[in-house]
Amino acid sequence: MDDRLLVHRMRALIAVFVCGVAMFQIYVVDASDRVVVARTDWVLALVVATYAAAVLATAAAAYTFFQRRPERARLWSNTATAFAVVVILGFSSGWFLGLAVDHPL
């Protein structure tokens, strides 16, 4: 196997791992009943965009593994990485906007 293909496949795998960790953390926080911000339109849009980016990153990463030419694998691994960055930004902005703060006892 070509080393260039291996590099791009590993980048795609890391992007999927990052998305998986972020989605798990979102699920844990949401299931803990600790979210105090009302579910307004912009909050739902943020959550939907984050989940959509995670799904698209996973799809692009899966497509990377089917590529035989390094330049095509590079394109799809870059796409998966870009969607993973969107997931990280969505997850981070949720924390900064106070979506996971404790409610008072």
N, C-alpha and C. Protein backbone atom coordinates (compact mmCIF):
# COMPACT_ATOMS: atom_id res chain seq x y z
N MET A 1 0.85 -1.17 0.00
CA MET A 1 0.00 0.00 0.00
C MET A 1 0.89 1.24 0.00
N ASP A 2 0.44 2.23 -0.70
CA ASP A 2 1.17 3.48 -0.80
C ASP A 2 1.10 4.23 0.53
N ASP A 3 2.24 4.77 0.96
CA ASP A 3 2.29 5.51 2.23
C ASP A 3 1.42 6.77 2.18
N ARG A 4 1.32 7.36 1.01
CA ARG A 4 0.49 8.57 0.90
C ARG A 4 -0.98 8.24 1.14
N LEU A 5 -1.42 7.08 0.68
CA LEU A 5 -2.79 6.67 0.95
C LEU A 5 -3.02 6.43 2.44
N LEU A 6 -2.02 5.83 3.08
CA LEU A 6 -2.13 5.54 4.50
C LEU A 6 -2.25 6.82 5.32
N VAL A 7 -1.49 7.83 4.96
CA VAL A 7 -1.55 9.12 5.68
C VAL A 7 -2.94 9.72 5.58
N HIS A 8 -3.52 9.72 4.40
CA HIS A 8 -4.84 10.32 4.22
C HIS A 8 -5.92 9.50 4.90
N ARG A 9 -5.78 8.20 4.88
CA ARG A 9 -6.76 7.36 5.56
C ARG A 9 -6.69 7.55 7.07
N MET A 10 -5.51 7.72 7.59
CA MET A 10 -5.38 7.95 9.04
C MET A 10 -5.93 9.32 9.43
N ARG A 11 -5.73 10.33 8.59
CA ARG A 11 -6.32 11.65 8.84
C ARG A 11 -7.83 11.56 8.87
N ALA A 12 -8.40 10.80 7.94
CA ALA A 12 -9.85 10.63 7.90
C ALA A 12 -10.34 9.87 9.14
N LEU A 13 -9.58 8.88 9.56
CA LEU A 13 -9.95 8.12 10.76
C LEU A 13 -9.90 9.00 12.00
N ILE A 14 -8.91 9.86 12.10
CA ILE A 14 -8.81 10.79 13.23
C ILE A 14 -9.98 11.77 13.22
N ALA A 15 -10.37 12.23 12.03
CA ALA A 15 -11.52 13.15 11.93
C ALA A 15 -12.79 12.48 12.43
N VAL A 16 -12.99 11.22 12.10
CA VAL A 16 -14.18 10.50 12.57
C VAL A 16 -14.11 10.29 14.08
N PHE A 17 -12.94 10.01 14.60
CA PHE A 17 -12.78 9.83 16.04
C PHE A 17 -13.11 11.12 16.79
N VAL A 18 -12.61 12.24 16.30
CA VAL A 18 -12.91 13.54 16.92
C VAL A 18 -14.41 13.82 16.89
N CYS A 19 -15.05 13.54 15.76
CA CYS A 19 -16.50 13.75 15.66
C CYS A 19 -17.25 12.84 16.63
N GLY A 20 -16.81 11.61 16.75
CA GLY A 20 -17.46 10.67 17.65
C GLY A 20 -17.36 11.11 19.10
N VAL A 21 -16.19 11.59 19.50
CA VAL A 21 -16.02 12.06 20.87
C VAL A 21 -16.91 13.28 21.14
N ALA A 22 -16.96 14.20 20.20
CA ALA A 22 -17.80 15.39 20.37
C ALA A 22 -19.27 15.01 20.44
N MET A 23 -19.72 14.11 19.58
CA MET A 23 -21.12 13.71 19.60
C MET A 23 -21.47 12.98 20.90
N PHE A 24 -20.55 12.16 21.39
CA PHE A 24 -20.78 11.48 22.66
C PHE A 24 -20.90 12.49 23.81
N GLN A 25 -20.03 13.48 23.82
CA GLN A 25 -20.08 14.50 24.87
C GLN A 25 -21.38 15.30 24.79
N ILE A 26 -21.84 15.61 23.59
CA ILE A 26 -23.11 16.32 23.44
C ILE A 26 -24.25 15.45 23.98
N TYR A 27 -24.22 14.17 23.67
CA TYR A 27 -25.26 13.26 24.15
C TYR A 27 -25.25 13.16 25.68
N VAL A 28 -24.07 13.05 26.26
CA VAL A 28 -23.95 12.92 27.71
C VAL A 28 -24.48 14.17 28.41
N VAL A 29 -24.12 15.33 27.91
CA VAL A 29 -24.58 16.58 28.52
C VAL A 29 -26.09 16.72 28.35
N ASP A 30 -26.59 16.39 27.18
CA ASP A 30 -28.03 16.52 26.93
C ASP A 30 -28.82 15.53 27.78
N ALA A 31 -28.31 14.32 27.95
CA ALA A 31 -29.01 13.30 28.74
C ALA A 31 -28.91 13.56 30.24
N SER A 32 -27.97 14.39 30.66
CA SER A 32 -27.78 14.63 32.10
C SER A 32 -28.79 15.61 32.67
N ASP A 33 -29.59 16.22 31.82
CA ASP A 33 -30.60 17.19 32.26
C ASP A 33 -29.97 18.42 32.89
N ARG A 34 -28.79 18.80 32.42
CA ARG A 34 -28.08 19.95 32.97
C ARG A 34 -28.15 21.17 32.06
N VAL A 35 -28.82 21.06 30.94
CA VAL A 35 -28.88 22.18 29.99
C VAL A 35 -29.94 23.16 30.47
N VAL A 36 -29.53 24.40 30.69
CA VAL A 36 -30.47 25.39 31.20
C VAL A 36 -30.90 26.41 30.16
N VAL A 37 -30.27 26.42 29.02
CA VAL A 37 -30.64 27.36 27.96
C VAL A 37 -31.86 26.81 27.24
N ALA A 38 -32.83 27.67 27.01
CA ALA A 38 -34.04 27.24 26.32
C ALA A 38 -33.72 26.78 24.90
N ARG A 39 -34.47 25.86 24.41
CA ARG A 39 -34.27 25.33 23.06
C ARG A 39 -34.87 26.30 22.04
N THR A 40 -34.15 27.36 21.79
CA THR A 40 -34.62 28.34 20.82
C THR A 40 -34.17 27.91 19.42
N ASP A 41 -34.56 28.69 18.45
CA ASP A 41 -34.25 28.34 17.07
C ASP A 41 -32.74 28.28 16.81
N TRP A 42 -31.99 29.22 17.35
CA TRP A 42 -30.55 29.23 17.08
C TRP A 42 -29.84 28.09 17.79
N VAL A 43 -30.35 27.65 18.94
CA VAL A 43 -29.75 26.51 19.63
C VAL A 43 -29.99 25.24 18.83
N LEU A 44 -31.20 25.07 18.34
CA LEU A 44 -31.50 23.89 17.52
C LEU A 44 -30.71 23.91 16.23
N ALA A 45 -30.54 25.08 15.64
CA ALA A 45 -29.75 25.19 14.42
C ALA A 45 -28.29 24.80 14.67
N LEU A 46 -27.76 25.21 15.81
CA LEU A 46 -26.40 24.86 16.17
C LEU A 46 -26.24 23.36 16.35
N VAL A 47 -27.19 22.74 17.04
CA VAL A 47 -27.13 21.29 17.27
C VAL A 47 -27.28 20.53 15.96
N VAL A 48 -28.21 20.94 15.13
CA VAL A 48 -28.43 20.27 13.85
C VAL A 48 -27.21 20.42 12.94
N ALA A 49 -26.62 21.61 12.90
CA ALA A 49 -25.43 21.82 12.07
C ALA A 49 -24.25 20.98 12.56
N THR A 50 -24.13 20.84 13.87
CA THR A 50 -23.03 20.04 14.42
C THR A 50 -23.23 18.57 14.09
N TYR A 51 -24.44 18.06 14.27
CA TYR A 51 -24.70 16.66 13.94
C TYR A 51 -24.56 16.40 12.44
N ALA A 52 -25.03 17.33 11.61
CA ALA A 52 -24.91 17.17 10.17
C ALA A 52 -23.45 17.15 9.73
N ALA A 53 -22.65 18.01 10.31
CA ALA A 53 -21.23 18.02 9.98
C ALA A 53 -20.56 16.73 10.40
N ALA A 54 -20.97 16.16 11.52
CA ALA A 54 -20.40 14.88 11.96
C ALA A 54 -20.76 13.76 11.00
N VAL A 55 -21.99 13.74 10.53
CA VAL A 55 -22.40 12.72 9.57
C VAL A 55 -21.65 12.89 8.25
N LEU A 56 -21.51 14.12 7.79
CA LEU A 56 -20.80 14.36 6.54
C LEU A 56 -19.31 14.04 6.66
N ALA A 57 -18.73 14.31 7.83
CA ALA A 57 -17.32 13.95 8.05
C ALA A 57 -17.14 12.44 8.00
N THR A 58 -18.08 11.72 8.59
CA THR A 58 -18.01 10.26 8.57
C THR A 58 -18.16 9.72 7.15
N ALA A 59 -19.07 10.30 6.40
CA ALA A 59 -19.27 9.86 5.01
C ALA A 59 -18.03 10.15 4.16
N ALA A 60 -17.45 11.33 4.32
CA ALA A 60 -16.24 11.67 3.56
C ALA A 60 -15.07 10.78 3.96
N ALA A 61 -14.98 10.46 5.25
CA ALA A 61 -13.90 9.58 5.71
C ALA A 61 -14.08 8.17 5.16
N ALA A 62 -15.31 7.70 5.12
CA ALA A 62 -15.56 6.37 4.55
C ALA A 62 -15.21 6.35 3.07
N TYR A 63 -15.54 7.42 2.38
CA TYR A 63 -15.21 7.49 0.96
C TYR A 63 -13.70 7.55 0.74
N THR A 64 -12.97 8.11 1.69
CA THR A 64 -11.50 8.16 1.59
C THR A 64 -10.92 6.75 1.52
N PHE A 65 -11.51 5.83 2.26
CA PHE A 65 -10.98 4.47 2.30
C PHE A 65 -11.19 3.71 1.00
N PHE A 66 -12.11 4.17 0.13
CA PHE A 66 -12.35 3.51 -1.15
C PHE A 66 -11.47 4.07 -2.28
N GLN A 67 -10.76 5.13 -2.01
CA GLN A 67 -9.93 5.75 -3.04
C GLN A 67 -8.64 4.98 -3.24
N ARG A 68 -8.23 4.87 -4.49
CA ARG A 68 -6.98 4.18 -4.82
C ARG A 68 -5.89 5.17 -5.24
N ARG A 69 -6.29 6.36 -5.66
CA ARG A 69 -5.32 7.38 -6.06
C ARG A 69 -5.08 8.32 -4.89
N PRO A 70 -3.83 8.62 -4.59
CA PRO A 70 -3.53 9.49 -3.44
C PRO A 70 -4.14 10.88 -3.53
N GLU A 71 -4.23 11.45 -4.74
CA GLU A 71 -4.79 12.79 -4.85
C GLU A 71 -6.29 12.81 -4.53
N ARG A 72 -6.99 11.76 -4.90
CA ARG A 72 -8.42 11.68 -4.55
C ARG A 72 -8.60 11.42 -3.06
N ALA A 73 -7.73 10.59 -2.49
CA ALA A 73 -7.79 10.33 -1.04
C ALA A 73 -7.50 11.61 -0.27
N ARG A 74 -6.57 12.39 -0.79
CA ARG A 74 -6.25 13.66 -0.13
C ARG A 74 -7.45 14.60 -0.15
N LEU A 75 -8.14 14.68 -1.26
CA LEU A 75 -9.33 15.52 -1.37
C LEU A 75 -10.37 15.13 -0.34
N TRP A 76 -10.66 13.84 -0.22
CA TRP A 76 -11.71 13.40 0.69
C TRP A 76 -11.27 13.45 2.14
N SER A 77 -10.00 13.23 2.42
CA SER A 77 -9.55 13.38 3.81
C SER A 77 -9.56 14.84 4.24
N ASN A 78 -9.24 15.74 3.31
CA ASN A 78 -9.35 17.17 3.61
C ASN A 78 -10.81 17.57 3.86
N THR A 79 -11.72 16.98 3.10
CA THR A 79 -13.14 17.25 3.31
C THR A 79 -13.59 16.75 4.67
N ALA A 80 -13.17 15.55 5.04
CA ALA A 80 -13.52 15.00 6.36
C ALA A 80 -12.93 15.86 7.47
N THR A 81 -11.72 16.32 7.28
CA THR A 81 -11.08 17.18 8.29
C THR A 81 -11.82 18.51 8.42
N ALA A 82 -12.25 19.07 7.29
CA ALA A 82 -12.99 20.34 7.33
C ALA A 82 -14.31 20.18 8.08
N PHE A 83 -15.02 19.10 7.84
CA PHE A 83 -16.26 18.88 8.58
C PHE A 83 -15.99 18.62 10.06
N ALA A 84 -14.88 17.98 10.38
CA ALA A 84 -14.52 17.77 11.78
C ALA A 84 -14.24 19.11 12.46
N VAL A 85 -13.65 20.04 11.74
CA VAL A 85 -13.42 21.38 12.30
C VAL A 85 -14.76 22.07 12.56
N VAL A 86 -15.73 21.89 11.68
CA VAL A 86 -17.06 22.46 11.90
C VAL A 86 -17.69 21.85 13.16
N VAL A 87 -17.50 20.55 13.36
CA VAL A 87 -18.02 19.89 14.56
C VAL A 87 -17.35 20.47 15.80
N ILE A 88 -16.05 20.65 15.76
CA ILE A 88 -15.34 21.22 16.90
C ILE A 88 -15.83 22.63 17.19
N LEU A 89 -16.01 23.43 16.15
CA LEU A 89 -16.51 24.80 16.35
C LEU A 89 -17.93 24.81 16.90
N GLY A 90 -18.78 23.93 16.41
CA GLY A 90 -20.15 23.85 16.93
C GLY A 90 -20.18 23.39 18.37
N PHE A 91 -19.37 22.40 18.69
CA PHE A 91 -19.30 21.91 20.06
C PHE A 91 -18.75 22.98 21.00
N SER A 92 -17.69 23.65 20.58
CA SER A 92 -17.07 24.68 21.41
C SER A 92 -18.01 25.87 21.60
N SER A 93 -18.68 26.28 20.56
CA SER A 93 -19.58 27.42 20.70
C SER A 93 -20.75 27.07 21.60
N GLY A 94 -21.16 25.82 21.62
CA GLY A 94 -22.21 25.40 22.55
C GLY A 94 -21.77 25.56 23.99
N TRP A 95 -20.52 25.21 24.27
CA TRP A 95 -20.01 25.38 25.63
C TRP A 95 -19.88 26.86 25.97
N PHE A 96 -19.39 27.66 25.02
CA PHE A 96 -19.22 29.08 25.31
C PHE A 96 -20.57 29.81 25.44
N LEU A 97 -21.58 29.30 24.78
CA LEU A 97 -22.90 29.93 24.86
C LEU A 97 -23.68 29.46 26.09
N GLY A 98 -23.10 28.58 26.87
CA GLY A 98 -23.74 28.15 28.11
C GLY A 98 -24.74 27.04 27.97
N LEU A 99 -24.57 26.18 26.99
CA LEU A 99 -25.52 25.10 26.80
C LEU A 99 -25.31 23.95 27.79
N ALA A 100 -24.22 23.99 28.53
CA ALA A 100 -23.93 22.87 29.44
C ALA A 100 -23.55 23.37 30.83
N VAL A 101 -24.31 24.30 31.32
CA VAL A 101 -24.02 24.79 32.68
C VAL A 101 -24.98 24.13 33.66
N ASP A 102 -24.53 23.99 34.87
CA ASP A 102 -25.37 23.37 35.91
C ASP A 102 -26.49 24.30 36.32
N HIS A 103 -27.65 23.71 36.54
CA HIS A 103 -28.73 24.53 37.08
C HIS A 103 -28.58 24.58 38.60
N PRO A 104 -29.04 25.66 39.23
CA PRO A 104 -28.87 25.78 40.68
C PRO A 104 -29.67 24.71 41.42
N LEU A 105 -29.16 24.31 42.54
CA LEU A 105 -29.85 23.27 43.34
C LEU A 105 -31.02 23.81 44.09
